[in-house]
């Protein structure tokens, strides 16, 4: 391998690593946001008054209270 091929290989390898790190960070952030949403929903469903305030109608309210 000559020097040009080695330089190109290192540049493309660097780009590949940057893309890989970006994908991993996006997956980690997505997982953290999903967990935060689940915790927020669970904390909301604990209080029946909050369910009554958030629910669109009485059928939805009864379903949420019944199935948590």
PDB file of N, CA and C in Angstrom:
ATOM      1  N   UNK A   1       0.845  -1.186   0.000  1.00  0.00           N
ATOM      2  CA  UNK A   1       0.000   0.000   0.000  1.00  0.00           C
ATOM      3  C   UNK A   1       0.883   1.238   0.000  1.00  0.00           C
ATOM      4  N   UNK A   2       0.492   2.148  -0.828  1.00  0.00           N
ATOM      5  CA  UNK A   2       1.270   3.376  -0.837  1.00  0.00           C
ATOM      6  C   UNK A   2       0.693   4.379   0.165  1.00  0.00           C
ATOM      7  N   UNK A   3       1.360   5.493   0.281  1.00  0.00           N
ATOM      8  CA  UNK A   3       1.015   6.486   1.291  1.00  0.00           C
ATOM      9  C   UNK A   3      -0.367   7.100   1.057  1.00  0.00           C
ATOM     10  N   UNK A   4      -0.755   7.296  -0.188  1.00  0.00           N
ATOM     11  CA  UNK A   4      -2.058   7.895  -0.499  1.00  0.00           C
ATOM     12  C   UNK A   4      -3.187   6.986  -0.019  1.00  0.00           C
ATOM     13  N   UNK A   5      -3.043   5.692  -0.250  1.00  0.00           N
ATOM     14  CA  UNK A   5      -4.074   4.758   0.204  1.00  0.00           C
ATOM     15  C   UNK A   5      -4.192   4.739   1.722  1.00  0.00           C
ATOM     16  N   UNK A   6      -3.081   4.816   2.399  1.00  0.00           N
ATOM     17  CA  UNK A   6      -3.097   4.827   3.863  1.00  0.00           C
ATOM     18  C   UNK A   6      -3.779   6.095   4.368  1.00  0.00           C
ATOM     19  N   UNK A   7      -3.495   7.237   3.765  1.00  0.00           N
ATOM     20  CA  UNK A   7      -4.121   8.500   4.172  1.00  0.00           C
ATOM     21  C   UNK A   7      -5.626   8.469   3.917  1.00  0.00           C
ATOM     22  N   UNK A   8      -6.027   7.969   2.756  1.00  0.00           N
ATOM     23  CA  UNK A   8      -7.455   7.878   2.454  1.00  0.00           C
ATOM     24  C   UNK A   8      -8.156   6.916   3.410  1.00  0.00           C
ATOM     25  N   UNK A   9      -7.491   5.803   3.713  1.00  0.00           N
ATOM     26  CA  UNK A   9      -8.062   4.842   4.641  1.00  0.00           C
ATOM     27  C   UNK A   9      -8.254   5.458   6.022  1.00  0.00           C
ATOM     28  N   UNK A  10      -7.312   6.256   6.477  1.00  0.00           N
ATOM     29  CA  UNK A  10      -7.436   6.882   7.799  1.00  0.00           C
ATOM     30  C   UNK A  10      -8.527   7.953   7.798  1.00  0.00           C
ATOM     31  N   UNK A  11      -8.674   8.679   6.701  1.00  0.00           N
ATOM     32  CA  UNK A  11      -9.731   9.702   6.622  1.00  0.00           C
ATOM     33  C   UNK A  11     -11.105   9.042   6.617  1.00  0.00           C
ATOM     34  N   UNK A  12     -11.284   8.028   5.762  1.00  0.00           N
ATOM     35  CA  UNK A  12     -12.566   7.337   5.714  1.00  0.00           C
ATOM     36  C   UNK A  12     -12.862   6.596   7.018  1.00  0.00           C
ATOM     37  N   UNK A  13     -11.858   6.075   7.653  1.00  0.00           N
ATOM     38  CA  UNK A  13     -12.040   5.424   8.955  1.00  0.00           C
ATOM     39  C   UNK A  13     -12.495   6.426  10.008  1.00  0.00           C
ATOM     40  N   UNK A  14     -11.928   7.626   9.968  1.00  0.00           N
ATOM     41  CA  UNK A  14     -12.344   8.672  10.902  1.00  0.00           C
ATOM     42  C   UNK A  14     -13.789   9.070  10.686  1.00  0.00           C
ATOM     43  N   UNK A  15     -14.188   9.215   9.428  1.00  0.00           N
ATOM     44  CA  UNK A  15     -15.589   9.536   9.127  1.00  0.00           C
ATOM     45  C   UNK A  15     -16.517   8.421   9.600  1.00  0.00           C
ATOM     46  N   UNK A  16     -16.115   7.188   9.378  1.00  0.00           N
ATOM     47  CA  UNK A  16     -16.924   6.058   9.816  1.00  0.00           C
ATOM     48  C   UNK A  16     -17.088   6.058  11.330  1.00  0.00           C
ATOM     49  N   UNK A  17     -16.002   6.320  12.060  1.00  0.00           N
ATOM     50  CA  UNK A  17     -16.089   6.359  13.522  1.00  0.00           C
ATOM     51  C   UNK A  17     -16.980   7.498  14.002  1.00  0.00           C
ATOM     52  N   UNK A  18     -16.908   8.657  13.351  1.00  0.00           N
ATOM     53  CA  UNK A  18     -17.781   9.772  13.721  1.00  0.00           C
ATOM     54  C   UNK A  18     -19.245   9.428  13.491  1.00  0.00           C
ATOM     55  N   UNK A  19     -19.544   8.785  12.374  1.00  0.00           N
ATOM     56  CA  UNK A  19     -20.924   8.390  12.092  1.00  0.00           C
ATOM     57  C   UNK A  19     -21.390   7.358  13.105  1.00  0.00           C
ATOM     58  N   UNK A  20     -20.532   6.413  13.435  1.00  0.00           N
ATOM     59  CA  UNK A  20     -20.871   5.376  14.410  1.00  0.00           C
ATOM     60  C   UNK A  20     -21.130   5.981  15.788  1.00  0.00           C
ATOM     61  N   UNK A  21     -20.316   6.919  16.212  1.00  0.00           N
ATOM     62  CA  UNK A  21     -20.510   7.591  17.503  1.00  0.00           C
ATOM     63  C   UNK A  21     -21.816   8.378  17.486  1.00  0.00           C
ATOM     64  N   UNK A  22     -22.126   9.039  16.378  1.00  0.00           N
ATOM     65  CA  UNK A  22     -23.386   9.775  16.266  1.00  0.00           C
ATOM     66  C   UNK A  22     -24.592   8.872  16.387  1.00  0.00           C
ATOM     67  N   UNK A  23     -24.549   7.716  15.762  1.00  0.00           N
ATOM     68  CA  UNK A  23     -25.663   6.770  15.856  1.00  0.00           C
ATOM     69  C   UNK A  23     -25.814   6.251  17.284  1.00  0.00           C
ATOM     70  N   UNK A  24     -24.712   5.934  17.930  1.00  0.00           N
ATOM     71  CA  UNK A  24     -24.768   5.448  19.313  1.00  0.00           C
ATOM     72  C   UNK A  24     -25.319   6.517  20.240  1.00  0.00           C
ATOM     73  N   UNK A  25     -24.891   7.762  20.076  1.00  0.00           N
ATOM     74  CA  UNK A  25     -25.424   8.860  20.901  1.00  0.00           C
ATOM     75  C   UNK A  25     -26.909   9.058  20.660  1.00  0.00           C
ATOM     76  N   UNK A  26     -27.351   8.974  19.418  1.00  0.00           N
ATOM     77  CA  UNK A  26     -28.775   9.123  19.112  1.00  0.00           C
ATOM     78  C   UNK A  26     -29.590   8.016  19.784  1.00  0.00           C
ATOM     79  N   UNK A  27     -29.083   6.790  19.778  1.00  0.00           N
ATOM     80  CA  UNK A  27     -29.791   5.692  20.431  1.00  0.00           C
ATOM     81  C   UNK A  27     -29.856   5.873  21.945  1.00  0.00           C
ATOM     82  N   UNK A  28     -28.771   6.344  22.535  1.00  0.00           N
ATOM     83  CA  UNK A  28     -28.750   6.570  23.981  1.00  0.00           C
ATOM     84  C   UNK A  28     -29.720   7.677  24.365  1.00  0.00           C
ATOM     85  N   UNK A  29     -29.718   8.781  23.627  1.00  0.00           N
ATOM     86  CA  UNK A  29     -30.626   9.894  23.912  1.00  0.00           C
ATOM     87  C   UNK A  29     -32.068   9.454  23.732  1.00  0.00           C
ATOM     88  N   UNK A  30     -32.341   8.669  22.693  1.00  0.00           N
ATOM     89  CA  UNK A  30     -33.700   8.176  22.469  1.00  0.00           C
ATOM     90  C   UNK A  30     -34.158   7.312  23.633  1.00  0.00           C
ATOM     91  N   UNK A  31     -33.297   6.456  24.134  1.00  0.00           N
ATOM     92  CA  UNK A  31     -33.654   5.594  25.261  1.00  0.00           C
ATOM     93  C   UNK A  31     -33.910   6.411  26.520  1.00  0.00           C
ATOM     94  N   UNK A  32     -33.095   7.425  26.773  1.00  0.00           N
ATOM     95  CA  UNK A  32     -33.301   8.267  27.950  1.00  0.00           C
ATOM     96  C   UNK A  32     -34.611   9.037  27.865  1.00  0.00           C
ATOM     97  N   UNK A  33     -34.935   9.557  26.683  1.00  0.00           N
ATOM     98  CA  UNK A  33     -36.198  10.271  26.517  1.00  0.00           C
ATOM     99  C   UNK A  33     -37.391   9.336  26.685  1.00  0.00           C
ATOM    100  N   UNK A  34     -37.279   8.121  26.192  1.00  0.00           N
ATOM    101  CA  UNK A  34     -38.362   7.146  26.333  1.00  0.00           C
ATOM    102  C   UNK A  34     -38.581   6.803  27.802  1.00  0.00           C
ATOM    103  N   UNK A  35     -37.502   6.590  28.541  1.00  0.00           N
ATOM    104  CA  UNK A  35     -37.624   6.276  29.968  1.00  0.00           C
ATOM    105  C   UNK A  35     -38.220   7.446  30.737  1.00  0.00           C
ATOM    106  N   UNK A  36     -37.843   8.664  30.366  1.00  0.00           N
ATOM    107  CA  UNK A  36     -38.392   9.848  31.029  1.00  0.00           C
ATOM    108  C   UNK A  36     -39.889   9.953  30.763  1.00  0.00           C
ATOM    109  N   UNK A  37     -40.321   9.659  29.539  1.00  0.00           N
ATOM    110  CA  UNK A  37     -41.737   9.706  29.204  1.00  0.00           C
ATOM    111  C   UNK A  37     -42.513   8.642  29.986  1.00  0.00           C
ATOM    112  N   UNK A  38     -41.953   7.446  30.111  1.00  0.00           N
ATOM    113  CA  UNK A  38     -42.626   6.379  30.859  1.00  0.00           C
ATOM    114  C   UNK A  38     -42.770   6.773  32.322  1.00  0.00           C
ATOM    115  N   UNK A  39     -41.731   7.333  32.916  1.00  0.00           N
ATOM    116  CA  UNK A  39     -41.814   7.756  34.317  1.00  0.00           C
ATOM    117  C   UNK A  39     -42.838   8.873  34.505  1.00  0.00           C
ATOM    118  N   UNK A  40     -42.906   9.803  33.553  1.00  0.00           N
ATOM    119  CA  UNK A  40     -43.888  10.890  33.642  1.00  0.00           C
ATOM    120  C   UNK A  40     -45.303  10.340  33.540  1.00  0.00           C
ATOM    121  N   UNK A  41     -45.520   9.386  32.644  1.00  0.00           N
ATOM    122  CA  UNK A  41     -46.857   8.794  32.502  1.00  0.00           C
ATOM    123  C   UNK A  41     -47.238   8.021  33.757  1.00  0.00           C
ATOM    124  N   UNK A  42     -46.310   7.269  34.307  1.00  0.00           N
ATOM    125  CA  UNK A  42     -46.611   6.506  35.520  1.00  0.00           C
ATOM    126  C   UNK A  42     -46.914   7.420  36.698  1.00  0.00           C
ATOM    127  N   UNK A  43     -46.178   8.508  36.831  1.00  0.00           N
ATOM    128  CA  UNK A  43     -46.444   9.431  37.939  1.00  0.00           C
ATOM    129  C   UNK A  43     -47.770  10.148  37.750  1.00  0.00           C
ATOM    130  N   UNK A  44     -48.172  10.375  36.509  1.00  0.00           N
ATOM    131  CA  UNK A  44     -49.464  11.014  36.251  1.00  0.00           C
ATOM    132  C   UNK A  44     -50.609  10.073  36.571  1.00  0.00           C
ATOM    133  N   UNK A  45     -50.456   8.789  36.261  1.00  0.00           N
ATOM    134  CA  UNK A  45     -51.545   7.842  36.450  1.00  0.00           C
ATOM    135  C   UNK A  45     -51.740   7.421  37.902  1.00  0.00           C
ATOM    136  N   UNK A  46     -50.876   7.847  38.799  1.00  0.00           N
ATOM    137  CA  UNK A  46     -51.023   7.503  40.210  1.00  0.00           C
ATOM    138  C   UNK A  46     -52.162   8.300  40.837  1.00  0.00           C
ATOM    139  N   UNK A  47     -52.301   9.550  40.459  1.00  0.00           N
ATOM    140  CA  UNK A  47     -53.284  10.447  41.069  1.00  0.00           C
ATOM    141  C   UNK A  47     -54.576  10.433  40.245  1.00  0.00           C
ATOM    142  N   UNK A  48     -55.684  10.067  40.861  1.00  0.00           N
ATOM    143  CA  UNK A  48     -56.959   9.988  40.146  1.00  0.00           C
ATOM    144  C   UNK A  48     -57.473  11.374  39.750  1.00  0.00           C
ATOM    145  N   UNK A  49     -57.158  12.399  40.537  1.00  0.00           N
ATOM    146  CA  UNK A  49     -57.587  13.753  40.152  1.00  0.00           C
ATOM    147  C   UNK A  49     -56.883  14.211  38.890  1.00  0.00           C
ATOM    148  N   UNK A  50     -55.607  13.858  38.746  1.00  0.00           N
ATOM    149  CA  UNK A  50     -54.877  14.207  37.529  1.00  0.00           C
ATOM    150  C   UNK A  50     -55.446  13.479  36.322  1.00  0.00           C
ATOM    151  N   UNK A  51     -55.855  12.231  36.518  1.00  0.00           N
ATOM    152  CA  UNK A  51     -56.469  11.482  35.424  1.00  0.00           C
ATOM    153  C   UNK A  51     -57.756  12.163  34.998  1.00  0.00           C
ATOM    154  N   UNK A  52     -58.551  12.606  35.967  1.00  0.00           N
ATOM    155  CA  UNK A  52     -59.798  13.294  35.632  1.00  0.00           C
ATOM    156  C   UNK A  52     -59.534  14.589  34.879  1.00  0.00           C
ATOM    157  N   UNK A  53     -58.471  15.267  35.222  1.00  0.00           N
ATOM    158  CA  UNK A  53     -58.155  16.533  34.563  1.00  0.00           C
ATOM    159  C   UNK A  53     -57.633  16.314  33.146  1.00  0.00           C
ATOM    160  N   UNK A  54     -56.872  15.245  32.938  1.00  0.00           N
ATOM    161  CA  UNK A  54     -56.228  15.005  31.652  1.00  0.00           C
ATOM    162  C   UNK A  54     -57.157  14.285  30.667  1.00  0.00           C
ATOM    163  N   UNK A  55     -58.041  13.430  31.174  1.00  0.00           N
ATOM    164  CA  UNK A  55     -58.867  12.591  30.303  1.00  0.00           C
ATOM    165  C   UNK A  55     -59.817  13.441  29.462  1.00  0.00           C
ATOM    166  N   UNK A  56     -60.040  13.000  28.223  1.00  0.00           N
ATOM    167  CA  UNK A  56     -60.908  13.731  27.293  1.00  0.00           C
ATOM    168  C   UNK A  56     -62.385  13.580  27.665  1.00  0.00           C
ATOM    169  N   UNK A  57     -62.777  12.399  28.095  1.00  0.00           N
ATOM    170  CA  UNK A  57     -64.168  12.168  28.476  1.00  0.00           C
ATOM    171  C   UNK A  57     -64.215  11.136  29.601  1.00  0.00           C
ATOM    172  N   UNK A  58     -65.420  10.833  30.059  1.00  0.00           N
ATOM    173  CA  UNK A  58     -65.542   9.936  31.207  1.00  0.00           C
ATOM    174  C   UNK A  58     -65.163   8.502  30.856  1.00  0.00           C
ATOM    175  N   UNK A  59     -65.382   8.093  29.602  1.00  0.00           N
ATOM    176  CA  UNK A  59     -64.996   6.738  29.206  1.00  0.00           C
ATOM    177  C   UNK A  59     -63.479   6.563  29.278  1.00  0.00           C
ATOM    178  N   UNK A  60     -62.758   7.550  28.797  1.00  0.00           N
ATOM    179  CA  UNK A  60     -61.298   7.502  28.854  1.00  0.00           C
ATOM    180  C   UNK A  60     -60.822   7.525  30.303  1.00  0.00           C
ATOM    181  N   UNK A  61     -61.455   8.355  31.112  1.00  0.00           N
ATOM    182  CA  UNK A  61     -61.094   8.427  32.528  1.00  0.00           C
ATOM    183  C   UNK A  61     -61.292   7.084  33.215  1.00  0.00           C
ATOM    184  N   UNK A  62     -62.432   6.460  32.986  1.00  0.00           N
ATOM    185  CA  UNK A  62     -62.701   5.157  33.605  1.00  0.00           C
ATOM    186  C   UNK A  62     -61.717   4.104  33.120  1.00  0.00           C
ATOM    187  N   UNK A  63     -61.366   4.136  31.849  1.00  0.00           N
ATOM    188  CA  UNK A  63     -60.405   3.172  31.300  1.00  0.00           C
ATOM    189  C   UNK A  63     -59.041   3.349  31.952  1.00  0.00           C
ATOM    190  N   UNK A  64     -58.592   4.608  32.076  1.00  0.00           N
ATOM    191  CA  UNK A  64     -57.278   4.862  32.669  1.00  0.00           C
ATOM    192  C   UNK A  64     -57.224   4.472  34.139  1.00  0.00           C
ATOM    193  N   UNK A  65     -58.292   4.753  34.858  1.00  0.00           N
ATOM    194  CA  UNK A  65     -58.318   4.396  36.271  1.00  0.00           C
ATOM    195  C   UNK A  65     -58.349   2.871  36.421  1.00  0.00           C
ATOM    196  N   UNK A  66     -59.126   2.211  35.577  1.00  0.00           N
ATOM    197  CA  UNK A  66     -59.274   0.757  35.660  1.00  0.00           C
ATOM    198  C   UNK A  66     -57.983   0.038  35.267  1.00  0.00           C
ATOM    199  N   UNK A  67     -57.346   0.452  34.179  1.00  0.00           N
ATOM    200  CA  UNK A  67     -56.194  -0.272  33.644  1.00  0.00           C
ATOM    201  C   UNK A  67     -54.845   0.327  34.011  1.00  0.00           C
ATOM    202  N   UNK A  68     -54.827   1.487  34.581  1.00  0.00           N
ATOM    203  CA  UNK A  68     -53.600   2.153  35.002  1.00  0.00           C
ATOM    204  C   UNK A  68     -52.556   2.079  33.898  1.00  0.00           C
TER     205      UNK A  68
END
